[in-house]
N, C-alpha and C. Protein backbone atom coordinates (compact mmCIF):
# COMPACT_ATOMS: atom_id res chain seq x y z
N UNK A 1 111.67 82.36 131.07
CA UNK A 1 110.66 83.84 130.74
C UNK A 1 111.30 84.80 129.90
N UNK A 2 112.25 84.56 129.95
CA UNK A 2 113.33 86.02 129.58
C UNK A 2 112.87 85.60 127.83
N UNK A 3 113.22 84.49 127.13
CA UNK A 3 113.13 84.47 126.49
C UNK A 3 111.79 83.68 125.37
N UNK A 4 110.76 83.70 126.42
CA UNK A 4 109.68 83.79 125.72
C UNK A 4 109.48 84.74 125.24
N UNK A 5 109.80 86.32 125.98
CA UNK A 5 109.52 87.86 125.86
C UNK A 5 110.48 87.61 125.03
N UNK A 6 111.51 87.41 124.30
CA UNK A 6 111.97 88.44 123.59
C UNK A 6 111.78 87.13 122.25
N UNK A 7 111.13 86.01 122.31
CA UNK A 7 111.20 85.43 120.87
C UNK A 7 109.30 86.38 119.86
N UNK A 8 108.87 86.70 121.72
CA UNK A 8 107.33 87.43 121.46
C UNK A 8 107.49 89.13 120.54
N UNK A 9 108.52 89.44 121.04
CA UNK A 9 109.42 90.25 120.58
C UNK A 9 109.41 90.50 119.39
N UNK A 10 109.90 89.31 119.05
CA UNK A 10 110.34 89.62 117.45
C UNK A 10 109.27 89.36 116.90
N UNK A 11 108.58 88.56 117.04
CA UNK A 11 107.37 88.80 116.02
C UNK A 11 106.53 89.75 115.90
N UNK A 12 107.06 90.68 116.99
CA UNK A 12 105.49 91.85 116.96
C UNK A 12 106.54 92.94 116.18
N UNK A 13 107.63 92.24 115.98
CA UNK A 13 108.67 93.29 115.56
C UNK A 13 109.20 93.67 113.69
N UNK A 14 108.62 92.29 113.86
CA UNK A 14 108.72 91.45 112.21
C UNK A 14 107.29 91.87 111.61
N UNK A 15 105.84 92.35 112.91
CA UNK A 15 104.78 92.14 111.62
C UNK A 15 104.50 93.84 112.03
N UNK A 16 105.36 94.69 112.63
CA UNK A 16 105.63 95.78 111.83
C UNK A 16 106.58 96.25 111.30
N UNK A 17 107.58 95.25 111.09
CA UNK A 17 108.30 95.86 109.83
C UNK A 17 107.68 95.92 108.58
N UNK A 18 107.27 94.48 108.85
CA UNK A 18 105.81 94.50 107.52
C UNK A 18 104.77 94.75 106.89
N UNK A 19 104.39 95.59 108.23
CA UNK A 19 103.75 96.67 107.64
C UNK A 19 104.38 98.46 107.48
N UNK A 20 105.03 98.45 107.39
CA UNK A 20 106.01 99.11 107.31
C UNK A 20 106.37 99.38 106.03
N UNK A 21 106.27 98.19 105.67
CA UNK A 21 107.01 97.12 103.97
C UNK A 21 105.55 97.93 103.76
N UNK A 22 104.26 97.18 103.68
CA UNK A 22 103.06 97.67 103.27
C UNK A 22 102.90 98.90 103.01
N UNK A 23 103.49 99.98 103.59
CA UNK A 23 102.46 100.65 103.87
C UNK A 23 103.74 101.84 102.38
N UNK A 24 104.88 101.60 102.45
CA UNK A 24 106.00 102.14 102.06
C UNK A 24 105.76 101.15 100.45
N UNK A 25 105.32 100.38 100.23
CA UNK A 25 105.34 100.02 98.72
C UNK A 25 104.07 100.79 98.37
N UNK A 26 102.86 101.18 99.63
CA UNK A 26 102.10 101.13 98.55
C UNK A 26 101.91 102.80 98.25
N UNK A 27 102.77 103.74 98.80
CA UNK A 27 103.33 105.35 99.13
C UNK A 27 104.24 105.35 97.60
N UNK A 28 104.84 104.24 97.23
CA UNK A 28 105.91 104.24 95.70
C UNK A 28 104.59 104.25 94.93
N UNK A 29 103.33 102.90 94.81
CA UNK A 29 102.64 102.56 93.65
C UNK A 29 102.05 103.87 93.74
N UNK A 30 101.30 105.18 94.90
CA UNK A 30 100.65 106.11 94.49
C UNK A 30 101.56 107.26 94.01
N UNK A 31 102.77 107.38 94.13
CA UNK A 31 104.10 107.92 94.09
C UNK A 31 104.33 107.62 91.92
N UNK A 32 103.65 106.57 92.26
CA UNK A 32 104.35 106.16 90.30
C UNK A 32 103.42 106.68 89.84
N UNK A 33 101.71 106.58 90.35
CA UNK A 33 100.63 106.77 89.14
C UNK A 33 101.04 107.99 88.98
N UNK A 34 100.49 109.19 90.55
CA UNK A 34 101.03 110.42 90.25
C UNK A 34 101.96 111.30 89.13
N UNK A 35 103.25 110.45 89.25
CA UNK A 35 103.96 110.97 88.28
C UNK A 35 104.04 110.75 86.77
N UNK A 36 103.48 109.86 87.02
CA UNK A 36 102.50 108.88 85.44
C UNK A 36 101.79 109.95 84.69
N UNK A 37 100.90 110.64 86.01
CA UNK A 37 99.51 111.18 85.10
C UNK A 37 99.67 112.86 84.98
N UNK A 38 100.67 113.45 86.03
CA UNK A 38 101.47 114.44 86.01
C UNK A 38 102.24 114.73 84.25
N UNK A 39 103.50 113.97 83.99
CA UNK A 39 104.20 113.41 82.87
C UNK A 39 103.03 113.56 81.79
N UNK A 40 101.90 112.94 81.83
CA UNK A 40 100.84 113.18 80.84
C UNK A 40 100.19 114.13 80.37
N UNK A 41 100.21 114.43 81.39
CA UNK A 41 99.44 115.92 81.34
C UNK A 41 100.34 117.28 80.48
N UNK A 42 101.57 117.02 81.53
CA UNK A 42 102.70 117.98 80.10
C UNK A 42 102.75 117.86 78.94
N UNK A 43 102.50 115.80 78.49
CA UNK A 43 102.49 116.04 76.93
C UNK A 43 102.05 116.46 76.25
N UNK A 44 100.58 115.74 76.85
CA UNK A 44 99.37 116.83 75.85
C UNK A 44 99.38 118.43 76.09
N UNK A 45 99.92 118.64 77.18
CA UNK A 45 100.39 120.41 77.02
C UNK A 45 101.04 120.63 75.83
N UNK A 46 102.50 119.94 75.90
CA UNK A 46 103.08 120.06 74.96
C UNK A 46 102.73 120.17 73.11
N UNK A 47 101.48 119.04 73.47
CA UNK A 47 101.85 118.65 71.76
C UNK A 47 100.32 119.82 71.45
N UNK A 48 100.20 120.48 72.11
CA UNK A 48 98.79 121.44 71.70
C UNK A 48 99.96 122.70 71.79
N UNK A 49 100.95 123.02 71.78
CA UNK A 49 101.50 123.96 71.50
C UNK A 49 101.85 124.20 70.67
N UNK A 50 101.77 125.10 70.24
CA UNK A 50 102.25 125.82 68.75
C UNK A 50 104.04 126.31 68.61
N UNK A 51 104.65 126.33 67.33
CA UNK A 51 106.16 126.35 67.24
C UNK A 51 106.52 127.93 67.80
N UNK A 52 105.18 128.64 68.05
CA UNK A 52 105.19 129.93 68.29
C UNK A 52 105.30 129.92 69.80
N UNK A 53 105.12 129.11 69.92
CA UNK A 53 104.87 129.49 72.14
C UNK A 53 103.83 129.36 72.31
N UNK A 54 102.46 129.90 71.17
CA UNK A 54 100.84 130.10 71.74
C UNK A 54 100.28 128.50 71.86
N UNK A 55 99.64 128.52 72.51
CA UNK A 55 98.47 127.45 72.50
C UNK A 55 97.80 126.93 71.30
N UNK A 56 97.34 125.71 70.97
CA UNK A 56 96.25 125.95 69.93
C UNK A 56 95.00 125.37 70.09
N UNK A 57 94.21 126.03 70.07
CA UNK A 57 92.90 126.43 70.37
C UNK A 57 91.61 125.60 69.73
N UNK A 58 92.58 125.31 68.71
CA UNK A 58 91.84 124.45 67.26
C UNK A 58 90.95 124.91 67.09
N UNK A 59 90.90 126.67 66.94
CA UNK A 59 89.75 127.38 66.32
C UNK A 59 89.99 127.97 65.17
N UNK A 60 91.00 127.67 64.51
CA UNK A 60 91.61 128.18 63.51
C UNK A 60 90.33 127.73 62.04
N UNK A 61 90.10 128.84 60.87
CA UNK A 61 89.14 128.95 60.69
C UNK A 61 89.03 128.89 59.05
N UNK A 62 89.94 128.36 58.03
CA UNK A 62 90.03 129.01 56.86
C UNK A 62 91.48 127.63 56.68
N UNK A 63 92.05 126.81 55.78
CA UNK A 63 93.15 126.34 55.22
C UNK A 63 94.93 127.05 55.51
N UNK A 64 94.05 128.20 55.06
CA UNK A 64 95.17 129.30 55.60
C UNK A 64 95.01 129.81 56.72
N UNK A 65 95.42 129.23 58.25
CA UNK A 65 95.81 129.12 58.99
C UNK A 65 95.54 130.51 59.45
N UNK A 66 94.40 131.33 58.87
CA UNK A 66 93.66 132.89 59.85
C UNK A 66 92.64 132.31 60.75
N UNK A 67 92.64 132.68 61.85
CA UNK A 67 91.71 132.79 63.40
C UNK A 67 90.64 133.70 63.04
N UNK A 68 89.52 132.97 63.32
CA UNK A 68 88.04 133.42 62.90
C UNK A 68 88.11 135.65 63.75
N UNK A 69 87.53 136.34 62.59
CA UNK A 69 87.88 137.56 63.96
C UNK A 69 88.86 138.37 63.41
N UNK A 70 89.43 137.96 62.47
CA UNK A 70 91.11 138.63 62.30
C UNK A 70 91.68 139.31 61.05
């Protein structure tokens, strides 16, 4: 009888281990997606920055680089 109980416990332990592995796998996948999204956001922000550190808002008026109203 104790042998039966041990085997059932082993199967339950394996199921717990499998569910834990599944949860960890899902958490790692979500973490990777979040980190990739953050990296893309940083790349977008860096590409819109001008050499002087100001942000490029796309409102340059003419080819000379003068902003409207200045």
